[in-house]
Amino acid sequence: MMLRTCKQHGETKHFPRPDGAFRCGKCASGWVIRNRRTKKEKLVAMFGGKCVVCGYKKYAGALDFHHKNPKDKSFALSVKGLSYSWDSLVQEAKKCVLVCKNCHTEIEAKITTL
């Protein structure tokens, strides 16, 4: 890690890359956040775009992938899970139903059933 000047962020921490170049930590973090958000939006659209229980569809960030069978779960399709490859994400999402966060909470609390 070393301090360098980034065109976007000014003087900030830069981290070495395998090719010998350095990358601004803030730019790298921003890229990861945008990439995860894009993957989530694409997955949500691919799997119906709305909660299967109540029909909510305003904001992809308010939708979750609920595993139909917890024993089949390889990883969570949440923030960290979205860093897996696209094919892995699609395979994992196929084990799930798309629900809003409210319905997901009720499903987990056994108030609502699928």
Protein backbone atom coordinates (compact mmCIF):
# COMPACT_ATOMS: atom_id res chain seq x y z
CA MET A 1 0.00 0.00 0.00
CA MET A 2 1.23 3.50 -0.79
CA LEU A 3 -0.23 6.97 -1.02
CA ARG A 4 -0.66 8.16 -4.59
CA THR A 5 -2.86 10.65 -6.39
CA CYS A 6 -6.06 9.42 -7.99
CA LYS A 7 -7.74 11.63 -10.63
CA GLN A 8 -11.10 11.08 -8.94
CA HIS A 9 -10.21 10.88 -5.22
CA GLY A 10 -7.01 12.89 -4.87
CA GLU A 11 -4.30 11.60 -2.57
CA THR A 12 -5.43 8.21 -1.29
CA LYS A 13 -4.22 4.68 -0.61
CA HIS A 14 -3.24 2.68 -3.69
CA PHE A 15 -2.71 -1.06 -3.66
CA PRO A 16 -0.38 -3.12 -5.85
CA ARG A 17 -1.85 -5.21 -8.63
CA PRO A 18 -0.34 -8.47 -9.92
CA ASP A 19 0.87 -6.66 -13.08
CA GLY A 20 2.98 -4.25 -10.99
CA ALA A 21 0.62 -1.28 -11.36
CA PHE A 22 -1.22 0.33 -8.44
CA ARG A 23 -4.96 0.84 -8.06
CA CYS A 24 -6.80 3.41 -5.98
CA GLY A 25 -8.51 1.63 -3.08
CA LYS A 26 -11.59 3.87 -3.31
CA CYS A 27 -11.94 3.25 -7.07
CA ALA A 28 -11.57 -0.51 -6.52
CA SER A 29 -14.18 -0.48 -3.78
CA GLY A 30 -16.58 1.52 -5.95
CA TRP A 31 -16.14 -0.95 -8.80
CA VAL A 32 -16.96 -3.90 -6.51
CA ILE A 33 -20.11 -2.18 -5.21
CA ARG A 34 -21.33 -1.34 -8.74
CA ASN A 35 -20.52 -4.85 -9.98
CA ARG A 36 -22.45 -6.52 -7.14
CA ARG A 37 -25.43 -4.19 -7.63
CA THR A 38 -25.49 -4.91 -11.38
CA LYS A 39 -25.36 -8.67 -10.78
CA LYS A 40 -28.20 -8.44 -8.24
CA GLU A 41 -30.36 -6.40 -10.62
CA LYS A 42 -29.75 -8.87 -13.45
CA LEU A 43 -30.55 -11.85 -11.21
CA VAL A 44 -33.73 -10.21 -9.93
CA ALA A 45 -34.89 -9.53 -13.50
CA MET A 46 -34.00 -13.08 -14.58
CA PHE A 47 -36.04 -14.59 -11.74
CA GLY A 48 -39.25 -12.63 -12.22
CA GLY A 49 -38.46 -9.19 -10.84
CA LYS A 50 -40.95 -9.31 -7.98
CA CYS A 51 -41.78 -11.00 -4.69
CA VAL A 52 -43.58 -14.29 -5.31
CA VAL A 53 -45.67 -13.73 -2.16
CA CYS A 54 -46.86 -10.11 -2.32
CA GLY A 55 -45.70 -8.85 -5.73
CA TYR A 56 -43.36 -6.10 -4.46
CA LYS A 57 -41.08 -4.89 -7.29
CA LYS A 58 -40.00 -1.28 -6.63
CA TYR A 59 -36.34 -1.80 -5.69
CA ALA A 60 -34.09 -4.79 -6.40
CA GLY A 61 -32.16 -4.16 -3.17
CA ALA A 62 -35.31 -4.91 -1.18
CA LEU A 63 -35.65 -8.36 -2.75
CA ASP A 64 -33.99 -11.51 -1.42
CA PHE A 65 -33.38 -14.99 -2.75
CA HIS A 66 -34.88 -17.44 -0.25
CA HIS A 67 -33.53 -20.98 -0.50
CA LYS A 68 -36.42 -23.43 -0.89
CA ASN A 69 -34.36 -26.14 0.82
CA PRO A 70 -31.70 -24.84 3.24
CA LYS A 71 -29.76 -28.12 2.89
CA ASP A 72 -29.14 -27.32 -0.80
CA LYS A 73 -27.67 -23.89 0.00
CA SER A 74 -24.05 -23.51 -1.13
CA PHE A 75 -23.81 -19.80 -0.30
CA ALA A 76 -26.05 -16.82 0.40
CA LEU A 77 -26.99 -14.57 -2.49
CA SER A 78 -26.30 -11.48 -0.41
CA VAL A 79 -23.54 -8.89 -0.62
CA LYS A 80 -20.54 -11.22 -0.33
CA GLY A 81 -22.22 -13.99 -2.32
CA LEU A 82 -22.55 -11.65 -5.27
CA SER A 83 -18.79 -11.78 -5.78
CA TYR A 84 -19.03 -15.34 -7.15
CA SER A 85 -18.98 -15.99 -10.89
CA TRP A 86 -22.14 -15.30 -12.87
CA ASP A 87 -22.73 -19.00 -13.61
CA SER A 88 -22.40 -19.85 -9.91
CA LEU A 89 -24.89 -17.11 -9.01
CA VAL A 90 -27.45 -18.36 -11.51
CA GLN A 91 -27.08 -21.96 -10.30
CA GLU A 92 -27.57 -20.87 -6.69
CA ALA A 93 -30.54 -18.65 -7.57
CA LYS A 94 -32.25 -21.63 -9.21
CA LYS A 95 -32.49 -23.14 -5.71
CA CYS A 96 -34.42 -20.10 -4.49
CA VAL A 97 -37.60 -18.09 -4.75
CA LEU A 98 -37.53 -14.31 -5.03
CA VAL A 99 -39.20 -12.57 -2.08
CA CYS A 100 -39.18 -9.08 -0.59
CA LYS A 101 -37.39 -8.56 2.71
CA ASN A 102 -40.68 -8.32 4.65
CA CYS A 103 -42.02 -11.58 3.25
CA HIS A 104 -38.61 -13.22 3.69
CA THR A 105 -38.62 -12.31 7.38
CA GLU A 106 -42.13 -13.73 7.75
CA ILE A 107 -41.13 -16.94 5.93
CA GLU A 108 -38.13 -17.40 8.24
CA ALA A 109 -40.37 -16.74 11.28
CA LYS A 110 -42.87 -19.30 9.91
CA ILE A 111 -45.62 -16.65 9.79
CA THR A 112 -45.90 -16.98 5.99
CA THR A 113 -45.50 -20.19 4.01
CA LEU A 114 -44.67 -20.58 0.35
